[in-house]
Amino acid sequence: MSESAQRETMLRKPILMPPSMIEKVDKIAKNKHISFAKVVREAVSAFDGEVSGDDEKILDALADTMIETTQEVVKKMEEIEKRLDATHAMLEAQ
């Protein structure tokens, strides 16, 4: 935690977490011999909420790939559906 954060007045803030996350934080706190609150404060201090330009490019590329892949899957499913319809019609004609 930074020196300026240590000098700030502490405020209480209740938070909700799933039990598995609470167990994880408890385990980290026990292993590091620090409090639950300190684990949370360190995690928040380590978190960088800014999205870099590179991150944005990667996310855009990922979204484009997902859209393209989804379109290909839909096209293949439509082809399979047509083949199934044709096979079904042929079997009914027999």
N, C-alpha and C. Protein backbone atom coordinates (compact mmCIF):
# COMPACT_ATOMS: atom_id res chain seq x y z
N MET A 1 0.86 -1.16 0.00
CA MET A 1 0.00 0.00 0.00
C MET A 1 0.90 1.22 0.00
N SER A 2 0.52 2.25 -0.75
CA SER A 2 1.35 3.45 -0.83
C SER A 2 1.32 4.22 0.49
N GLU A 3 2.34 5.06 0.64
CA GLU A 3 2.45 5.83 1.89
C GLU A 3 1.27 6.78 2.06
N SER A 4 0.80 7.38 0.94
CA SER A 4 -0.33 8.30 1.05
C SER A 4 -1.60 7.57 1.46
N ALA A 5 -1.76 6.33 0.98
CA ALA A 5 -2.94 5.54 1.35
C ALA A 5 -2.89 5.18 2.83
N GLN A 6 -1.69 4.96 3.37
CA GLN A 6 -1.55 4.62 4.78
C GLN A 6 -1.95 5.79 5.67
N ARG A 7 -1.76 7.01 5.18
CA ARG A 7 -2.07 8.19 5.97
C ARG A 7 -3.53 8.58 5.88
N GLU A 8 -4.26 8.00 4.94
CA GLU A 8 -5.67 8.34 4.78
C GLU A 8 -6.49 7.76 5.94
N THR A 9 -7.60 8.43 6.24
CA THR A 9 -8.53 7.92 7.24
C THR A 9 -9.22 6.69 6.66
N MET A 10 -9.29 5.64 7.45
CA MET A 10 -9.94 4.41 7.00
C MET A 10 -11.44 4.54 7.20
N LEU A 11 -12.21 4.06 6.23
CA LEU A 11 -13.66 4.02 6.30
C LEU A 11 -14.11 2.58 6.18
N ARG A 12 -15.18 2.23 6.82
CA ARG A 12 -15.73 0.88 6.76
C ARG A 12 -16.68 0.80 5.57
N LYS A 13 -16.55 -0.28 4.79
CA LYS A 13 -17.42 -0.50 3.64
C LYS A 13 -17.77 -1.97 3.56
N PRO A 14 -19.02 -2.34 3.88
CA PRO A 14 -19.40 -3.74 3.76
C PRO A 14 -19.40 -4.17 2.29
N ILE A 15 -18.91 -5.36 2.02
CA ILE A 15 -18.92 -5.87 0.66
C ILE A 15 -19.52 -7.27 0.64
N LEU A 16 -20.08 -7.64 -0.49
CA LEU A 16 -20.63 -8.97 -0.65
C LEU A 16 -19.69 -9.78 -1.54
N MET A 17 -19.41 -11.00 -1.12
CA MET A 17 -18.55 -11.91 -1.88
C MET A 17 -19.13 -13.31 -1.79
N PRO A 18 -18.93 -14.10 -2.83
CA PRO A 18 -19.34 -15.50 -2.71
C PRO A 18 -18.45 -16.21 -1.69
N PRO A 19 -18.97 -17.24 -1.04
CA PRO A 19 -18.19 -17.96 -0.01
C PRO A 19 -16.83 -18.45 -0.52
N SER A 20 -16.75 -18.89 -1.76
CA SER A 20 -15.47 -19.38 -2.29
C SER A 20 -14.42 -18.27 -2.34
N MET A 21 -14.87 -17.05 -2.65
CA MET A 21 -13.93 -15.93 -2.70
C MET A 21 -13.50 -15.54 -1.29
N ILE A 22 -14.42 -15.59 -0.34
CA ILE A 22 -14.08 -15.28 1.05
C ILE A 22 -13.05 -16.29 1.55
N GLU A 23 -13.26 -17.57 1.24
CA GLU A 23 -12.30 -18.61 1.65
C GLU A 23 -10.93 -18.33 1.03
N LYS A 24 -10.92 -17.91 -0.22
CA LYS A 24 -9.65 -17.63 -0.89
C LYS A 24 -8.92 -16.46 -0.23
N VAL A 25 -9.66 -15.39 0.07
CA VAL A 25 -9.04 -14.23 0.73
C VAL A 25 -8.56 -14.61 2.12
N ASP A 26 -9.37 -15.38 2.85
CA ASP A 26 -8.95 -15.84 4.18
C ASP A 26 -7.64 -16.64 4.10
N LYS A 27 -7.55 -17.51 3.12
CA LYS A 27 -6.34 -18.33 2.96
C LYS A 27 -5.13 -17.46 2.65
N ILE A 28 -5.30 -16.50 1.76
CA ILE A 28 -4.20 -15.57 1.42
C ILE A 28 -3.77 -14.81 2.67
N ALA A 29 -4.75 -14.29 3.41
CA ALA A 29 -4.45 -13.52 4.62
C ALA A 29 -3.69 -14.37 5.63
N LYS A 30 -4.15 -15.60 5.82
CA LYS A 30 -3.49 -16.49 6.78
C LYS A 30 -2.05 -16.78 6.35
N ASN A 31 -1.86 -17.10 5.06
CA ASN A 31 -0.52 -17.42 4.56
C ASN A 31 0.44 -16.23 4.62
N LYS A 32 -0.10 -15.02 4.41
CA LYS A 32 0.75 -13.83 4.43
C LYS A 32 0.81 -13.18 5.81
N HIS A 33 0.04 -13.73 6.78
CA HIS A 33 -0.03 -13.19 8.13
C HIS A 33 -0.46 -11.73 8.13
N ILE A 34 -1.51 -11.46 7.36
CA ILE A 34 -2.08 -10.11 7.31
C ILE A 34 -3.60 -10.24 7.43
N SER A 35 -4.27 -9.11 7.59
CA SER A 35 -5.73 -9.14 7.75
C SER A 35 -6.43 -9.31 6.41
N PHE A 36 -7.68 -9.73 6.52
CA PHE A 36 -8.56 -9.85 5.35
C PHE A 36 -8.61 -8.51 4.62
N ALA A 37 -8.81 -7.44 5.39
CA ALA A 37 -8.92 -6.10 4.81
C ALA A 37 -7.65 -5.70 4.07
N LYS A 38 -6.49 -6.06 4.62
CA LYS A 38 -5.23 -5.71 3.96
C LYS A 38 -5.10 -6.45 2.63
N VAL A 39 -5.55 -7.70 2.58
CA VAL A 39 -5.52 -8.43 1.30
C VAL A 39 -6.37 -7.69 0.27
N VAL A 40 -7.56 -7.26 0.68
CA VAL A 40 -8.45 -6.54 -0.24
C VAL A 40 -7.81 -5.23 -0.67
N ARG A 41 -7.23 -4.48 0.29
CA ARG A 41 -6.59 -3.20 -0.05
C ARG A 41 -5.43 -3.41 -1.03
N GLU A 42 -4.62 -4.45 -0.79
CA GLU A 42 -3.49 -4.72 -1.70
C GLU A 42 -3.98 -5.10 -3.09
N ALA A 43 -5.07 -5.86 -3.14
CA ALA A 43 -5.63 -6.26 -4.44
C ALA A 43 -6.13 -5.04 -5.20
N VAL A 44 -6.81 -4.14 -4.48
CA VAL A 44 -7.31 -2.93 -5.12
C VAL A 44 -6.15 -2.06 -5.58
N SER A 45 -5.10 -1.94 -4.78
CA SER A 45 -3.93 -1.15 -5.16
C SER A 45 -3.24 -1.73 -6.38
N ALA A 46 -3.24 -3.06 -6.50
CA ALA A 46 -2.57 -3.72 -7.62
C ALA A 46 -3.41 -3.67 -8.89
N PHE A 47 -4.70 -3.43 -8.76
CA PHE A 47 -5.60 -3.43 -9.91
C PHE A 47 -5.39 -2.18 -10.74
N ASP A 48 -5.23 -2.40 -12.05
CA ASP A 48 -5.09 -1.28 -12.98
C ASP A 48 -6.33 -1.27 -13.86
N GLY A 49 -7.25 -0.38 -13.58
CA GLY A 49 -8.51 -0.33 -14.29
C GLY A 49 -8.43 0.30 -15.67
N GLU A 50 -7.29 0.85 -16.01
CA GLU A 50 -7.14 1.49 -17.31
C GLU A 50 -6.95 0.44 -18.40
N VAL A 51 -7.65 0.61 -19.51
CA VAL A 51 -7.48 -0.27 -20.66
C VAL A 51 -6.50 0.42 -21.60
N SER A 52 -5.39 -0.27 -21.88
CA SER A 52 -4.39 0.32 -22.76
C SER A 52 -4.84 0.21 -24.21
N GLY A 53 -4.17 0.94 -25.09
CA GLY A 53 -4.46 0.87 -26.51
C GLY A 53 -4.25 -0.53 -27.05
N ASP A 54 -3.20 -1.21 -26.56
CA ASP A 54 -2.93 -2.59 -26.99
C ASP A 54 -4.05 -3.51 -26.54
N ASP A 55 -4.53 -3.32 -25.31
CA ASP A 55 -5.63 -4.15 -24.80
C ASP A 55 -6.87 -3.96 -25.67
N GLU A 56 -7.13 -2.72 -26.05
CA GLU A 56 -8.30 -2.43 -26.87
C GLU A 56 -8.18 -3.09 -28.24
N LYS A 57 -6.98 -3.06 -28.83
CA LYS A 57 -6.76 -3.70 -30.13
C LYS A 57 -6.95 -5.21 -30.03
N ILE A 58 -6.44 -5.79 -28.94
CA ILE A 58 -6.58 -7.24 -28.74
C ILE A 58 -8.05 -7.60 -28.56
N LEU A 59 -8.78 -6.80 -27.79
CA LEU A 59 -10.21 -7.07 -27.59
C LEU A 59 -10.99 -6.93 -28.89
N ASP A 60 -10.64 -5.92 -29.70
CA ASP A 60 -11.31 -5.75 -31.00
C ASP A 60 -11.03 -6.94 -31.91
N ALA A 61 -9.77 -7.39 -31.94
CA ALA A 61 -9.42 -8.55 -32.77
C ALA A 61 -10.15 -9.79 -32.29
N LEU A 62 -10.24 -9.97 -30.98
CA LEU A 62 -10.95 -11.11 -30.42
C LEU A 62 -12.43 -11.06 -30.79
N ALA A 63 -13.03 -9.89 -30.68
CA ALA A 63 -14.45 -9.74 -31.03
C ALA A 63 -14.66 -10.04 -32.52
N ASP A 64 -13.77 -9.53 -33.37
CA ASP A 64 -13.89 -9.80 -34.81
C ASP A 64 -13.78 -11.29 -35.09
N THR A 65 -12.84 -11.96 -34.44
CA THR A 65 -12.67 -13.40 -34.62
C THR A 65 -13.90 -14.16 -34.16
N MET A 66 -14.45 -13.76 -33.02
CA MET A 66 -15.65 -14.43 -32.51
C MET A 66 -16.83 -14.25 -33.45
N ILE A 67 -16.99 -13.05 -33.99
CA ILE A 67 -18.08 -12.79 -34.93
C ILE A 67 -17.91 -13.63 -36.18
N GLU A 68 -16.70 -13.66 -36.72
CA GLU A 68 -16.42 -14.43 -37.93
C GLU A 68 -16.66 -15.93 -37.68
N THR A 69 -16.17 -16.43 -36.58
CA THR A 69 -16.34 -17.84 -36.25
C THR A 69 -17.81 -18.18 -36.07
N THR A 70 -18.55 -17.33 -35.41
CA THR A 70 -19.98 -17.56 -35.19
C THR A 70 -20.72 -17.58 -36.53
N GLN A 71 -20.36 -16.67 -37.42
CA GLN A 71 -21.00 -16.65 -38.74
C GLN A 71 -20.70 -17.94 -39.51
N GLU A 72 -19.48 -18.44 -39.41
CA GLU A 72 -19.12 -19.69 -40.08
C GLU A 72 -19.90 -20.86 -39.50
N VAL A 73 -20.05 -20.89 -38.18
CA VAL A 73 -20.79 -21.97 -37.53
C VAL A 73 -22.26 -21.94 -37.96
N VAL A 74 -22.85 -20.75 -38.01
CA VAL A 74 -24.24 -20.62 -38.42
C VAL A 74 -24.40 -21.11 -39.87
N LYS A 75 -23.48 -20.74 -40.73
CA LYS A 75 -23.53 -21.17 -42.14
C LYS A 75 -23.46 -22.69 -42.23
N LYS A 76 -22.54 -23.31 -41.50
CA LYS A 76 -22.40 -24.76 -41.52
C LYS A 76 -23.65 -25.44 -40.97
N MET A 77 -24.24 -24.87 -39.92
CA MET A 77 -25.46 -25.44 -39.35
C MET A 77 -26.60 -25.37 -40.36
N GLU A 78 -26.69 -24.27 -41.09
CA GLU A 78 -27.74 -24.14 -42.10
C GLU A 78 -27.55 -25.18 -43.21
N GLU A 79 -26.29 -25.42 -43.60
CA GLU A 79 -25.99 -26.44 -44.62
C GLU A 79 -26.39 -27.82 -44.11
N ILE A 80 -26.07 -28.11 -42.86
CA ILE A 80 -26.43 -29.41 -42.28
C ILE A 80 -27.94 -29.57 -42.20
N GLU A 81 -28.62 -28.49 -41.82
CA GLU A 81 -30.07 -28.53 -41.73
C GLU A 81 -30.70 -28.83 -43.09
N LYS A 82 -30.17 -28.23 -44.16
CA LYS A 82 -30.66 -28.50 -45.51
C LYS A 82 -30.44 -29.97 -45.89
N ARG A 83 -29.26 -30.49 -45.56
CA ARG A 83 -28.96 -31.90 -45.87
C ARG A 83 -29.88 -32.83 -45.08
N LEU A 84 -30.12 -32.50 -43.82
CA LEU A 84 -31.02 -33.31 -43.00
C LEU A 84 -32.44 -33.28 -43.56
N ASP A 85 -32.89 -32.07 -43.97
CA ASP A 85 -34.23 -31.96 -44.57
C ASP A 85 -34.33 -32.80 -45.84
N ALA A 86 -33.29 -32.76 -46.66
CA ALA A 86 -33.30 -33.53 -47.90
C ALA A 86 -33.30 -35.02 -47.60
N THR A 87 -32.48 -35.43 -46.62
CA THR A 87 -32.43 -36.85 -46.25
C THR A 87 -33.78 -37.29 -45.68
N HIS A 88 -34.36 -36.47 -44.84
CA HIS A 88 -35.66 -36.78 -44.24
C HIS A 88 -36.72 -36.92 -45.31
N ALA A 89 -36.75 -36.00 -46.27
CA ALA A 89 -37.72 -36.07 -47.36
C ALA A 89 -37.53 -37.34 -48.19
N MET A 90 -36.25 -37.69 -48.44
CA MET A 90 -35.96 -38.90 -49.22
C MET A 90 -36.44 -40.14 -48.47
N LEU A 91 -36.24 -40.21 -47.18
CA LEU A 91 -36.67 -41.35 -46.39
C LEU A 91 -38.19 -41.45 -46.32
N GLU A 92 -38.86 -40.32 -46.25
CA GLU A 92 -40.32 -40.33 -46.21
C GLU A 92 -40.91 -40.79 -47.55
N ALA A 93 -40.20 -40.49 -48.64
CA ALA A 93 -40.67 -40.87 -49.97
C ALA A 93 -40.57 -42.37 -50.19
N GLN A 94 -39.75 -43.05 -49.44
CA GLN A 94 -39.56 -44.50 -49.64
C GLN A 94 -40.67 -45.31 -49.11
